[in-house]
Amino acid sequence: MNLTDNDRAFLDAHHAAAMITLRADGTPHAVRVGVALVDGMLWSSGTHDRLRTGLLRRDPRCTLFVFDPTRRYLTLETIVTILEGPDAPRQNLRLFQVMQQHMTPAPRPGHIMWAGQERSIDEFLRIMVTERRLIYQFEVRRVYGLV
């Protein structure tokens, strides 16, 4: 990943993003997502049946627009690898732990916030399996913005 220290600091502090994928006719499809650097890799969560998952299986190109409440932003042109299978629930747990590490109030130890409720780790992992959660892993090809 060709990110500067400033880029990484911005991504460490800001998790709100727009994820833009491409339909078969080339038109963009944009949705709001959460993103985070997890062990040096940029990740987001999705499910098997999301439209964006199908679009990425056909064309793995994706642009992320990560923003803060002011005028700062970072645009990342990426290639996405979909991480799925038996490790996906724990990968989602790690992603959400990173995104929630500075949350106020913080979830109790051994818990994580999901759908507006504090959940035990075991309950969260069961939900990830039921929802067929997966991870989008972004390989950054180009970065630009105002950070």
C-alpha atoms as a PDB file:
ATOM      1  CA  MET A   1       0.000   0.000   0.000  1.00  0.00           C
ATOM      2  CA  ASN A   2       1.544   3.297  -1.018  1.00  0.00           C
ATOM      3  CA  LEU A   3       0.136   5.383   1.839  1.00  0.00           C
ATOM      4  CA  THR A   4       2.032   8.173   3.546  1.00  0.00           C
ATOM      5  CA  ASP A   5       2.184   8.511   7.318  1.00  0.00           C
ATOM      6  CA  ASN A   6      -0.372  11.360   7.010  1.00  0.00           C
ATOM      7  CA  ASP A   7      -2.689   9.107   4.978  1.00  0.00           C
ATOM      8  CA  ARG A   8      -2.426   6.347   7.589  1.00  0.00           C
ATOM      9  CA  ALA A   9      -3.064   8.788  10.442  1.00  0.00           C
ATOM     10  CA  PHE A  10      -6.172  10.075   8.649  1.00  0.00           C
ATOM     11  CA  LEU A  11      -7.441   6.515   8.088  1.00  0.00           C
ATOM     12  CA  ASP A  12      -6.703   5.599  11.716  1.00  0.00           C
ATOM     13  CA  ALA A  13      -8.874   8.496  12.890  1.00  0.00           C
ATOM     14  CA  HIS A  14     -11.672   8.439  10.278  1.00  0.00           C
ATOM     15  CA  HIS A  15     -13.778   5.424   9.352  1.00  0.00           C
ATOM     16  CA  ALA A  16     -16.690   6.966   7.411  1.00  0.00           C
ATOM     17  CA  ALA A  17     -16.447   6.402   3.665  1.00  0.00           C
ATOM     18  CA  ALA A  18     -18.327   6.171   0.412  1.00  0.00           C
ATOM     19  CA  MET A  19     -17.552   3.009  -1.543  1.00  0.00           C
ATOM     20  CA  ILE A  20     -17.980   3.364  -5.297  1.00  0.00           C
ATOM     21  CA  THR A  21     -18.120   0.237  -7.446  1.00  0.00           C
ATOM     22  CA  LEU A  22     -18.975  -0.149 -11.142  1.00  0.00           C
ATOM     23  CA  ARG A  23     -22.099  -1.624 -12.706  1.00  0.00           C
ATOM     24  CA  ALA A  24     -21.723  -3.686 -15.906  1.00  0.00           C
ATOM     25  CA  ASP A  25     -22.655  -0.622 -17.998  1.00  0.00           C
ATOM     26  CA  GLY A  26     -19.900   1.419 -16.312  1.00  0.00           C
ATOM     27  CA  THR A  27     -22.158   3.587 -14.161  1.00  0.00           C
ATOM     28  CA  PRO A  28     -21.071   4.039 -10.539  1.00  0.00           C
ATOM     29  CA  HIS A  29     -22.827   2.500  -7.543  1.00  0.00           C
ATOM     30  CA  ALA A  30     -22.102   4.372  -4.285  1.00  0.00           C
ATOM     31  CA  VAL A  31     -22.877   3.336  -0.699  1.00  0.00           C
ATOM     32  CA  ARG A  32     -21.764   4.530   2.720  1.00  0.00           C
ATOM     33  CA  VAL A  33     -19.460   2.119   4.561  1.00  0.00           C
ATOM     34  CA  GLY A  34     -17.045   1.975   7.451  1.00  0.00           C
ATOM     35  CA  VAL A  35     -13.359   1.338   6.752  1.00  0.00           C
ATOM     36  CA  ALA A  36     -10.319   0.770   8.948  1.00  0.00           C
ATOM     37  CA  LEU A  37      -6.686  -0.186   8.774  1.00  0.00           C
ATOM     38  CA  VAL A  38      -6.376  -3.622  10.366  1.00  0.00           C
ATOM     39  CA  ASP A  39      -2.820  -4.854  10.804  1.00  0.00           C
ATOM     40  CA  GLY A  40      -1.745  -2.588   7.933  1.00  0.00           C
ATOM     41  CA  MET A  41      -4.504  -3.672   5.541  1.00  0.00           C
ATOM     42  CA  LEU A  42      -7.501  -1.508   4.636  1.00  0.00           C
ATOM     43  CA  TRP A  43     -10.773  -3.395   5.268  1.00  0.00           C
ATOM     44  CA  SER A  44     -14.525  -2.949   5.155  1.00  0.00           C
ATOM     45  CA  SER A  45     -17.359  -5.373   5.891  1.00  0.00           C
ATOM     46  CA  GLY A  46     -20.087  -6.653   3.595  1.00  0.00           C
ATOM     47  CA  THR A  47     -22.282  -9.677   2.963  1.00  0.00           C
ATOM     48  CA  HIS A  48     -22.525 -12.275   0.223  1.00  0.00           C
ATOM     49  CA  ASP A  49     -25.823 -10.893  -1.075  1.00  0.00           C
ATOM     50  CA  ARG A  50     -24.962  -7.170  -1.213  1.00  0.00           C
ATOM     51  CA  LEU A  51     -25.100  -5.593  -4.658  1.00  0.00           C
ATOM     52  CA  ARG A  52     -21.570  -4.255  -4.231  1.00  0.00           C
ATOM     53  CA  THR A  53     -20.261  -7.776  -3.587  1.00  0.00           C
ATOM     54  CA  GLY A  54     -21.655  -8.967  -6.902  1.00  0.00           C
ATOM     55  CA  LEU A  55     -20.279  -5.914  -8.682  1.00  0.00           C
ATOM     56  CA  LEU A  56     -16.822  -6.525  -7.173  1.00  0.00           C
ATOM     57  CA  ARG A  57     -16.863 -10.183  -8.180  1.00  0.00           C
ATOM     58  CA  ARG A  58     -17.345  -9.011 -11.789  1.00  0.00           C
ATOM     59  CA  ASP A  59     -14.960  -6.022 -11.615  1.00  0.00           C
ATOM     60  CA  PRO A  60     -12.739  -5.612  -8.522  1.00  0.00           C
ATOM     61  CA  ARG A  61     -12.049  -1.908  -9.115  1.00  0.00           C
ATOM     62  CA  CYS A  62     -13.373   0.367  -6.380  1.00  0.00           C
ATOM     63  CA  THR A  63     -12.926   3.950  -5.248  1.00  0.00           C
ATOM     64  CA  LEU A  64     -13.180   4.865  -1.571  1.00  0.00           C
ATOM     65  CA  PHE A  65     -13.906   8.423  -0.474  1.00  0.00           C
ATOM     66  CA  VAL A  66     -12.989   8.636   3.235  1.00  0.00           C
ATOM     67  CA  PHE A  67     -14.102  11.828   4.953  1.00  0.00           C
ATOM     68  CA  ASP A  68     -14.252  13.688   8.236  1.00  0.00           C
ATOM     69  CA  PRO A  69     -16.855  16.206   9.495  1.00  0.00           C
ATOM     70  CA  THR A  70     -14.794  19.127   8.198  1.00  0.00           C
ATOM     71  CA  ARG A  71     -13.475  19.512   4.675  1.00  0.00           C
ATOM     72  CA  ARG A  72     -10.691  16.912   4.865  1.00  0.00           C
ATOM     73  CA  TYR A  73     -10.924  13.780   2.734  1.00  0.00           C
ATOM     74  CA  LEU A  74      -8.890  11.024   1.166  1.00  0.00           C
ATOM     75  CA  THR A  75      -9.713   9.342  -2.144  1.00  0.00           C
ATOM     76  CA  LEU A  76      -8.306   5.862  -2.679  1.00  0.00           C
ATOM     77  CA  GLU A  77      -8.450   4.069  -6.013  1.00  0.00           C
ATOM     78  CA  THR A  78      -8.261   0.371  -5.204  1.00  0.00           C
ATOM     79  CA  ILE A  79      -8.526  -3.226  -6.308  1.00  0.00           C
ATOM     80  CA  VAL A  80     -10.636  -5.329  -3.939  1.00  0.00           C
ATOM     81  CA  THR A  81     -10.051  -8.878  -2.770  1.00  0.00           C
ATOM     82  CA  ILE A  82     -13.024 -10.506  -1.055  1.00  0.00           C
ATOM     83  CA  LEU A  83     -12.040 -12.435   2.082  1.00  0.00           C
ATOM     84  CA  GLU A  84     -14.648 -15.055   2.921  1.00  0.00           C
ATOM     85  CA  GLY A  85     -14.890 -18.475   4.452  1.00  0.00           C
ATOM     86  CA  PRO A  86     -14.341 -19.746   7.978  1.00  0.00           C
ATOM     87  CA  ASP A  87     -12.043 -16.848   9.010  1.00  0.00           C
ATOM     88  CA  ALA A  88     -14.529 -14.127   7.961  1.00  0.00           C
ATOM     89  CA  PRO A  89     -16.437 -13.888  11.295  1.00  0.00           C
ATOM     90  CA  ARG A  90     -13.192 -13.351  13.268  1.00  0.00           C
ATOM     91  CA  GLN A  91     -11.901 -10.937  10.623  1.00  0.00           C
ATOM     92  CA  ASN A  92     -15.112  -8.929  11.021  1.00  0.00           C
ATOM     93  CA  LEU A  93     -14.632  -8.981  14.778  1.00  0.00           C
ATOM     94  CA  ARG A  94     -11.126  -7.570  14.378  1.00  0.00           C
ATOM     95  CA  LEU A  95     -12.367  -4.886  11.968  1.00  0.00           C
ATOM     96  CA  PHE A  96     -15.132  -3.727  14.297  1.00  0.00           C
ATOM     97  CA  GLN A  97     -12.816  -3.800  17.318  1.00  0.00           C
ATOM     98  CA  VAL A  98     -10.468  -1.441  15.471  1.00  0.00           C
ATOM     99  CA  MET A  99     -13.310   0.843  14.379  1.00  0.00           C
ATOM    100  CA  GLN A 100     -14.719   0.943  17.915  1.00  0.00           C
ATOM    101  CA  GLN A 101     -11.489   1.331  19.887  1.00  0.00           C
ATOM    102  CA  HIS A 102     -12.078   5.047  20.559  1.00  0.00           C
ATOM    103  CA  MET A 103     -15.852   4.824  20.932  1.00  0.00           C
ATOM    104  CA  THR A 104     -17.390   6.733  23.813  1.00  0.00           C
ATOM    105  CA  PRO A 105     -18.748   5.089  25.820  1.00  0.00           C
ATOM    106  CA  ALA A 106     -16.664   2.049  25.015  1.00  0.00           C
ATOM    107  CA  PRO A 107     -18.297  -1.389  25.002  1.00  0.00           C
ATOM    108  CA  ARG A 108     -17.613  -3.466  28.095  1.00  0.00           C
ATOM    109  CA  PRO A 109     -14.624  -5.832  27.889  1.00  0.00           C
ATOM    110  CA  GLY A 110     -15.573  -8.942  25.898  1.00  0.00           C
ATOM    111  CA  HIS A 111     -18.327  -7.067  24.060  1.00  0.00           C
ATOM    112  CA  ILE A 112     -18.789  -5.157  20.827  1.00  0.00           C
ATOM    113  CA  MET A 113     -21.455  -2.831  19.486  1.00  0.00           C
ATOM    114  CA  TRP A 114     -23.615  -4.182  16.675  1.00  0.00           C
ATOM    115  CA  ALA A 115     -26.881  -2.761  15.346  1.00  0.00           C
ATOM    116  CA  GLY A 116     -27.040  -0.276  18.211  1.00  0.00           C
ATOM    117  CA  GLN A 117     -26.665  -2.901  20.942  1.00  0.00           C
ATOM    118  CA  GLU A 118     -23.777  -4.219  22.973  1.00  0.00           C
ATOM    119  CA  ARG A 119     -23.193  -7.879  22.075  1.00  0.00           C
ATOM    120  CA  SER A 120     -20.966 -10.540  23.575  1.00  0.00           C
ATOM    121  CA  ILE A 121     -18.133 -11.679  21.318  1.00  0.00           C
ATOM    122  CA  ASP A 122     -19.782 -15.106  20.895  1.00  0.00           C
ATOM    123  CA  GLU A 123     -23.113 -13.507  19.970  1.00  0.00           C
ATOM    124  CA  PHE A 124     -21.380 -11.164  17.510  1.00  0.00           C
ATOM    125  CA  LEU A 125     -19.573 -14.091  15.843  1.00  0.00           C
ATOM    126  CA  ARG A 126     -22.877 -16.005  15.507  1.00  0.00           C
ATOM    127  CA  ILE A 127     -24.442 -12.927  13.871  1.00  0.00           C
ATOM    128  CA  MET A 128     -21.527 -12.698  11.423  1.00  0.00           C
ATOM    129  CA  VAL A 129     -22.110 -16.332  10.375  1.00  0.00           C
ATOM    130  CA  THR A 130     -25.889 -15.846  10.060  1.00  0.00           C
ATOM    131  CA  GLU A 131     -25.460 -12.678   7.989  1.00  0.00           C
ATOM    132  CA  ARG A 132     -22.794 -14.375   5.823  1.00  0.00           C
ATOM    133  CA  ARG A 133     -20.397 -11.495   6.480  1.00  0.00           C
ATOM    134  CA  LEU A 134     -17.191 -11.134   4.520  1.00  0.00           C
ATOM    135  CA  ILE A 135     -14.368  -8.626   4.310  1.00  0.00           C
ATOM    136  CA  TYR A 136     -13.443  -6.352   1.442  1.00  0.00           C
ATOM    137  CA  GLN A 137      -9.669  -5.907   1.434  1.00  0.00           C
ATOM    138  CA  PHE A 138      -8.481  -2.911  -0.567  1.00  0.00           C
ATOM    139  CA  GLU A 139      -5.189  -2.791  -2.453  1.00  0.00           C
ATOM    140  CA  VAL A 140      -4.567   0.926  -2.854  1.00  0.00           C
ATOM    141  CA  ARG A 141      -3.330   1.889  -6.322  1.00  0.00           C
ATOM    142  CA  ARG A 142      -3.653   5.700  -6.160  1.00  0.00           C
ATOM    143  CA  VAL A 143      -4.246   8.188  -3.325  1.00  0.00           C
ATOM    144  CA  TYR A 144      -5.212  11.851  -3.399  1.00  0.00           C
ATOM    145  CA  GLY A 145      -7.093  14.288  -1.211  1.00  0.00           C
ATOM    146  CA  LEU A 146      -6.901  17.015   1.365  1.00  0.00           C
ATOM    147  CA  VAL A 147      -5.594  15.664   4.691  1.00  0.00           C
END
